[in-house]
Each structure stands twice: as structure tokens, then as C-alpha cells.
Amino acid sequence: MAKKEVIEIEGLEGGDAETRVYELGFHLDPELPQEEVKKTYQAIHDAISGSGTVIAEGEPTKIPLAYTMYRSDTKGRRDYDSAYFCWIAYEADGAAHDKIVAMAGSEVRVIRFIDLRTTVEGAKHSAEMHELFAKAALEDPFQEEIAETELEAAPVREEAKEEAA
């Protein structure tokens, strides 16, 4: 099993009564059926909304990973080259935050997660960027690239003909 490391930052001890904004990003097992992915995401979402206030979120999207991640358990080592990535920005006090982090760490379908302190503006910006990337993924960039290349190449060909003459 992967070692879990807790880093204490001065002034940010758990159990604090002041509410803060956090962003939980997590990777879900890519071999889960789509229905299980949605159920797992919803269970984590419900746990967070039960302990705090959800500000913004990014629903599960299957992505290739930049490098192979692995996780060891009682069945052995498993390597992952892709995963469902999701994120939820939420506001909670210290005790609720600790509870959410413990829940994310104990969920067996979560390959890896990160929980960061952020701001409301940062969370809303993440939501806007998520929408932009989702729209860009729906478009076919290869076709646009061909069209741009043809437009740029056409004037060059005409100039080359003039120079040759």
C-alpha cells in the first residue's frame, strides 16, 4: 500500500472552527464501469456536501495519465495509464475537512487524490477552465489544423510562382 504522508503547515492544524475553501482532486479506477464511476463520484460528492458546502465541481472525465501510477494492495501491484479525473471545491471547517480527507483516503476506488486550500475565486476559475477544456475536447483540432495550414500555404504557393517567373 502506498505510504501516506501528512504535512503539517503552521497555522493550519485540523479541527479549526474557521471555514476555509478547499479543492479535492481525485483519480478513479479506469476499469470501473461508467455506472460505478458515477456512483463513486456521487458518494464522495454527497459526503462533502454533508460536511460542507460545494462551491464548484468537475465531473468524472477519463484522461490519459502523464506517467504510469501504481497502487499495491493485498492482490498485488496494479499499474494505471489512465483514470477518471474529478474534482470538487468546497467550503468546510477544520474538523469537516479532516473527515473529508480521511474519507477520500479510505475509498478503494480512488487511485490517488490531492486536497488543496484555495479561494472561492480560484474555485470558480477552475470551473470556468474545466468548461473551456471540455468544449475544446469536443471540437476536432486536427481538422482545424489542416484548414489553417491550407490557408497559410495558399499565398506562399502564389508567391513562389511569381518568383519563379
C-alpha atoms as a PDB file:
ATOM      1  CA  MET A   1       0.000   0.000   0.000  1.00  0.00           C
ATOM      2  CA  ALA A   2       1.272   3.483  -0.771  1.00  0.00           C
ATOM      3  CA  LYS A   3       2.666   5.489   2.099  1.00  0.00           C
ATOM      4  CA  LYS A   4       0.511   8.377   3.160  1.00  0.00           C
ATOM      5  CA  GLU A   5       2.336  11.455   4.261  1.00  0.00           C
ATOM      6  CA  VAL A   6       0.733  14.236   6.242  1.00  0.00           C
ATOM      7  CA  ILE A   7       2.431  17.593   6.159  1.00  0.00           C
ATOM      8  CA  GLU A   8       1.571  19.972   8.965  1.00  0.00           C
ATOM      9  CA  ILE A   9       1.688  23.602   7.915  1.00  0.00           C
ATOM     10  CA  GLU A  10       1.987  26.148  10.675  1.00  0.00           C
ATOM     11  CA  GLY A  11      -1.370  27.726  11.443  1.00  0.00           C
ATOM     12  CA  LEU A  12      -3.409  25.136   9.519  1.00  0.00           C
ATOM     13  CA  GLU A  13      -3.979  22.445  12.132  1.00  0.00           C
ATOM     14  CA  GLY A  14      -7.100  20.293  11.779  1.00  0.00           C
ATOM     15  CA  GLY A  15     -10.172  20.905  13.920  1.00  0.00           C
ATOM     16  CA  ASP A  16     -10.122  24.656  13.292  1.00  0.00           C
ATOM     17  CA  ALA A  17     -13.570  26.277  13.649  1.00  0.00           C
ATOM     18  CA  GLU A  18     -12.918  28.784  10.842  1.00  0.00           C
ATOM     19  CA  THR A  19     -14.297  27.747   7.446  1.00  0.00           C
ATOM     20  CA  ARG A  20     -11.938  27.626   4.514  1.00  0.00           C
ATOM     21  CA  VAL A  21     -12.216  26.708   0.856  1.00  0.00           C
ATOM     22  CA  TYR A  22     -10.560  23.502  -0.354  1.00  0.00           C
ATOM     23  CA  GLU A  23     -10.338  21.665  -3.648  1.00  0.00           C
ATOM     24  CA  LEU A  24     -10.283  17.869  -3.681  1.00  0.00           C
ATOM     25  CA  GLY A  25      -8.949  16.411  -6.931  1.00  0.00           C
ATOM     26  CA  PHE A  26      -9.007  12.647  -7.361  1.00  0.00           C
ATOM     27  CA  HIS A  27      -8.424   9.867  -9.866  1.00  0.00           C
ATOM     28  CA  LEU A  28     -10.860   6.963 -10.036  1.00  0.00           C
ATOM     29  CA  ASP A  29     -10.056   3.458 -11.276  1.00  0.00           C
ATOM     30  CA  PRO A  30     -10.310   3.467 -15.118  1.00  0.00           C
ATOM     31  CA  GLU A  31     -11.565  -0.118 -15.213  1.00  0.00           C
ATOM     32  CA  LEU A  32     -14.754   0.742 -13.324  1.00  0.00           C
ATOM     33  CA  PRO A  33     -17.955   0.609 -15.363  1.00  0.00           C
ATOM     34  CA  GLN A  34     -19.385   4.048 -16.167  1.00  0.00           C
ATOM     35  CA  GLU A  35     -22.248   3.428 -13.722  1.00  0.00           C
ATOM     36  CA  GLU A  36     -19.830   2.692 -10.859  1.00  0.00           C
ATOM     37  CA  VAL A  37     -17.791   5.793 -11.673  1.00  0.00           C
ATOM     38  CA  LYS A  38     -20.925   7.930 -11.358  1.00  0.00           C
ATOM     39  CA  LYS A  39     -21.940   6.196  -8.095  1.00  0.00           C
ATOM     40  CA  THR A  40     -18.492   6.654  -6.561  1.00  0.00           C
ATOM     41  CA  TYR A  41     -18.331  10.307  -7.604  1.00  0.00           C
ATOM     42  CA  GLN A  42     -21.834  10.904  -6.231  1.00  0.00           C
ATOM     43  CA  ALA A  43     -20.959   9.199  -2.927  1.00  0.00           C
ATOM     44  CA  ILE A  44     -17.908  11.454  -2.489  1.00  0.00           C
ATOM     45  CA  HIS A  45     -19.946  14.494  -3.533  1.00  0.00           C
ATOM     46  CA  ASP A  46     -22.668  13.613  -1.005  1.00  0.00           C
ATOM     47  CA  ALA A  47     -20.114  13.123   1.770  1.00  0.00           C
ATOM     48  CA  ILE A  48     -18.591  16.530   1.037  1.00  0.00           C
ATOM     49  CA  SER A  49     -21.949  18.306   0.803  1.00  0.00           C
ATOM     50  CA  GLY A  50     -22.954  16.661   4.101  1.00  0.00           C
ATOM     51  CA  SER A  51     -19.885  18.093   5.821  1.00  0.00           C
ATOM     52  CA  GLY A  52     -19.506  21.392   3.999  1.00  0.00           C
ATOM     53  CA  THR A  53     -20.726  23.484   1.095  1.00  0.00           C
ATOM     54  CA  VAL A  54     -19.891  22.538  -2.504  1.00  0.00           C
ATOM     55  CA  ILE A  55     -18.737  25.602  -4.460  1.00  0.00           C
ATOM     56  CA  ALA A  56     -17.743  24.132  -7.830  1.00  0.00           C
ATOM     57  CA  GLU A  57     -17.067  20.727  -9.323  1.00  0.00           C
ATOM     58  CA  GLY A  58     -15.752  18.857 -12.329  1.00  0.00           C
ATOM     59  CA  GLU A  59     -17.492  15.595 -13.085  1.00  0.00           C
ATOM     60  CA  PRO A  60     -15.528  12.436 -13.989  1.00  0.00           C
ATOM     61  CA  THR A  61     -13.645  12.577 -17.265  1.00  0.00           C
ATOM     62  CA  LYS A  62     -11.445   9.738 -18.475  1.00  0.00           C
ATOM     63  CA  ILE A  63      -7.963  11.009 -19.235  1.00  0.00           C
ATOM     64  CA  PRO A  64      -4.585   9.502 -20.124  1.00  0.00           C
ATOM     65  CA  LEU A  65      -2.084   9.981 -17.306  1.00  0.00           C
ATOM     66  CA  ALA A  66       1.202  11.774 -17.880  1.00  0.00           C
ATOM     67  CA  TYR A  67       3.045   8.851 -16.282  1.00  0.00           C
ATOM     68  CA  THR A  68       2.150   5.381 -15.059  1.00  0.00           C
ATOM     69  CA  MET A  69       0.875   5.335 -11.495  1.00  0.00           C
ATOM     70  CA  TYR A  70       0.699   2.222  -9.414  1.00  0.00           C
ATOM     71  CA  ARG A  71      -1.024   1.072  -6.277  1.00  0.00           C
ATOM     72  CA  SER A  72      -0.250  -2.010  -4.229  1.00  0.00           C
ATOM     73  CA  ASP A  73      -2.855  -3.814  -2.192  1.00  0.00           C
ATOM     74  CA  THR A  74      -3.499  -7.343  -0.940  1.00  0.00           C
ATOM     75  CA  LYS A  75      -3.999  -8.577  -4.528  1.00  0.00           C
ATOM     76  CA  GLY A  76      -0.647  -7.200  -5.687  1.00  0.00           C
ATOM     77  CA  ARG A  77       0.517  -4.235  -7.720  1.00  0.00           C
ATOM     78  CA  ARG A  78      -1.713  -2.534 -10.299  1.00  0.00           C
ATOM     79  CA  ASP A  79      -0.430  -0.058 -12.862  1.00  0.00           C
ATOM     80  CA  TYR A  80      -2.585   2.744 -14.260  1.00  0.00           C
ATOM     81  CA  ASP A  81      -2.018   4.622 -17.531  1.00  0.00           C
ATOM     82  CA  SER A  82      -5.423   6.335 -17.493  1.00  0.00           C
ATOM     83  CA  ALA A  83      -8.028   7.315 -14.901  1.00  0.00           C
ATOM     84  CA  TYR A  84     -11.261   9.165 -14.400  1.00  0.00           C
ATOM     85  CA  PHE A  85     -10.323  12.603 -13.079  1.00  0.00           C
ATOM     86  CA  CYS A  86     -12.819  14.535 -10.936  1.00  0.00           C
ATOM     87  CA  TRP A  87     -12.610  17.500  -8.608  1.00  0.00           C
ATOM     88  CA  ILE A  88     -14.834  19.200  -6.066  1.00  0.00           C
ATOM     89  CA  ALA A  89     -14.229  22.620  -4.489  1.00  0.00           C
ATOM     90  CA  TYR A  90     -15.900  23.005  -1.113  1.00  0.00           C
ATOM     91  CA  GLU A  91     -16.015  25.146   1.984  1.00  0.00           C
ATOM     92  CA  ALA A  92     -15.668  23.473   5.383  1.00  0.00           C
ATOM     93  CA  ASP A  93     -14.288  23.941   8.863  1.00  0.00           C
ATOM     94  CA  GLY A  94     -11.192  22.082  10.074  1.00  0.00           C
ATOM     95  CA  ALA A  95     -12.996  19.080  11.567  1.00  0.00           C
ATOM     96  CA  ALA A  96     -15.123  18.562   8.453  1.00  0.00           C
ATOM     97  CA  HIS A  97     -12.041  18.930   6.265  1.00  0.00           C
ATOM     98  CA  ASP A  98     -10.244  16.221   8.236  1.00  0.00           C
ATOM     99  CA  LYS A  99     -13.271  13.951   7.854  1.00  0.00           C
ATOM    100  CA  ILE A 100     -13.387  14.520   4.063  1.00  0.00           C
ATOM    101  CA  VAL A 101      -9.663  13.817   3.628  1.00  0.00           C
ATOM    102  CA  ALA A 102      -9.971  10.612   5.688  1.00  0.00           C
ATOM    103  CA  MET A 103     -12.954   9.517   3.572  1.00  0.00           C
ATOM    104  CA  ALA A 104     -11.065  10.145   0.302  1.00  0.00           C
ATOM    105  CA  GLY A 105      -8.076   8.186   1.609  1.00  0.00           C
ATOM    106  CA  SER A 106     -10.201   5.208   2.599  1.00  0.00           C
ATOM    107  CA  GLU A 107     -12.162   4.940  -0.687  1.00  0.00           C
ATOM    108  CA  VAL A 108     -10.701   1.903  -2.511  1.00  0.00           C
ATOM    109  CA  ARG A 109     -11.826   3.092  -5.959  1.00  0.00           C
ATOM    110  CA  VAL A 110      -9.785   6.299  -5.609  1.00  0.00           C
ATOM    111  CA  ILE A 111      -6.324   5.697  -7.049  1.00  0.00           C
ATOM    112  CA  ARG A 112      -4.839   8.971  -5.844  1.00  0.00           C
ATOM    113  CA  PHE A 113      -6.117  12.283  -4.539  1.00  0.00           C
ATOM    114  CA  ILE A 114      -4.919  15.726  -3.572  1.00  0.00           C
ATOM    115  CA  ASP A 115      -6.647  18.220  -1.310  1.00  0.00           C
ATOM    116  CA  LEU A 116      -5.581  21.853  -1.593  1.00  0.00           C
ATOM    117  CA  ARG A 117      -6.558  25.036   0.148  1.00  0.00           C
ATOM    118  CA  THR A 118      -7.887  27.595  -2.341  1.00  0.00           C
ATOM    119  CA  THR A 119     -10.234  30.571  -2.581  1.00  0.00           C
ATOM    120  CA  VAL A 120     -13.787  30.969  -3.855  1.00  0.00           C
ATOM    121  CA  GLU A 121     -12.461  32.912  -6.854  1.00  0.00           C
ATOM    122  CA  GLY A 122      -9.901  30.178  -7.559  1.00  0.00           C
ATOM    123  CA  ALA A 123     -12.598  27.507  -7.410  1.00  0.00           C
ATOM    124  CA  LYS A 124     -14.847  29.423  -9.787  1.00  0.00           C
ATOM    125  CA  HIS A 125     -11.911  29.963 -12.145  1.00  0.00           C
ATOM    126  CA  SER A 126     -11.263  26.195 -12.095  1.00  0.00           C
ATOM    127  CA  ALA A 127     -14.893  25.616 -13.092  1.00  0.00           C
ATOM    128  CA  GLU A 128     -14.586  28.072 -15.985  1.00  0.00           C
ATOM    129  CA  MET A 129     -11.358  26.446 -17.190  1.00  0.00           C
ATOM    130  CA  HIS A 130     -12.952  22.985 -16.918  1.00  0.00           C
ATOM    131  CA  GLU A 131     -15.772  24.155 -19.214  1.00  0.00           C
ATOM    132  CA  LEU A 132     -13.308  25.594 -21.737  1.00  0.00           C
ATOM    133  CA  PHE A 133     -11.286  22.385 -21.848  1.00  0.00           C
ATOM    134  CA  ALA A 134     -14.457  20.318 -22.198  1.00  0.00           C
ATOM    135  CA  LYS A 135     -15.565  22.425 -25.183  1.00  0.00           C
ATOM    136  CA  ALA A 136     -12.124  22.172 -26.762  1.00  0.00           C
ATOM    137  CA  ALA A 137     -12.159  18.388 -26.378  1.00  0.00           C
ATOM    138  CA  LEU A 138     -15.445  18.193 -28.290  1.00  0.00           C
ATOM    139  CA  GLU A 139     -14.017  20.046 -31.262  1.00  0.00           C
ATOM    140  CA  ASP A 140     -11.758  18.230 -33.707  1.00  0.00           C
ATOM    141  CA  PRO A 141      -8.473  20.173 -33.579  1.00  0.00           C
ATOM    142  CA  PHE A 142      -6.958  18.067 -36.381  1.00  0.00           C
ATOM    143  CA  GLN A 143      -9.474  19.366 -38.937  1.00  0.00           C
ATOM    144  CA  GLU A 144      -8.887  22.982 -37.891  1.00  0.00           C
ATOM    145  CA  GLU A 145      -5.131  22.450 -38.159  1.00  0.00           C
ATOM    146  CA  ILE A 146      -5.495  21.189 -41.741  1.00  0.00           C
ATOM    147  CA  ALA A 147      -7.692  24.156 -42.709  1.00  0.00           C
ATOM    148  CA  GLU A 148      -5.233  26.659 -41.194  1.00  0.00           C
ATOM    149  CA  THR A 149      -2.288  25.002 -42.951  1.00  0.00           C
ATOM    150  CA  GLU A 150      -4.079  25.122 -46.307  1.00  0.00           C
ATOM    151  CA  LEU A 151      -4.947  28.812 -45.832  1.00  0.00           C
ATOM    152  CA  GLU A 152      -1.388  29.689 -44.880  1.00  0.00           C
ATOM    153  CA  ALA A 153       0.128  27.604 -47.666  1.00  0.00           C
ATOM    154  CA  ALA A 154      -2.001  29.050 -50.475  1.00  0.00           C
ATOM    155  CA  PRO A 155      -0.443  32.563 -50.521  1.00  0.00           C
ATOM    156  CA  VAL A 156       3.059  31.066 -50.306  1.00  0.00           C
ATOM    157  CA  ARG A 157       2.414  28.961 -53.381  1.00  0.00           C
ATOM    158  CA  GLU A 158       1.276  32.021 -55.348  1.00  0.00           C
ATOM    159  CA  GLU A 159       4.367  33.981 -54.297  1.00  0.00           C
ATOM    160  CA  ALA A 160       6.601  31.075 -55.239  1.00  0.00           C
ATOM    161  CA  LYS A 161       5.062  31.029 -58.723  1.00  0.00           C
ATOM    162  CA  GLU A 162       5.710  34.783 -59.138  1.00  0.00           C
ATOM    163  CA  GLU A 163       9.347  34.439 -58.024  1.00  0.00           C
ATOM    164  CA  ALA A 164       9.915  31.528 -60.399  1.00  0.00           C
ATOM    165  CA  ALA A 165       8.644  33.558 -63.362  1.00  0.00           C
END
